[in-house]
Amino acid sequence: MSISTDLLKADRVGVRDLKEHLSGKFLARPLVITDRGVPVSVNLPYSDVLELTDIIDELLDSRTLLDVFNARKAIRRGAKGVNVSGLFGKIRARRK
């Protein structure tokens, strides 16, 4: 998951420095905000939050999870896999 990786690699900034230099420089990328070196908050770009919300919605859909489970079983049995990018969108479109 790219957002998780970005978060782990995110720059860190102290609360005081953030208050003094609050700008697009800090708001346009993932950022871990620290207080005395201890992570206390995370700033994510709006598009990343929307992507996370979509992922959570998809994971809460039992039919989608069943499709993923069945697909994984099929791949283990030798079926050709599908590129995961856009997979959930295709599943939703098929159900409409």
Foldseek 3Di string as FASTA:
>chain_A
DVVVVQQVVAAEEEPVVCVVDVDCVPQVGWYFYDHVPHGDDIHHHPVVVVVVVVVVVLVVDVVSVVVVVVLVVVVVVPDDDDPPVCPSVVVVVVVD
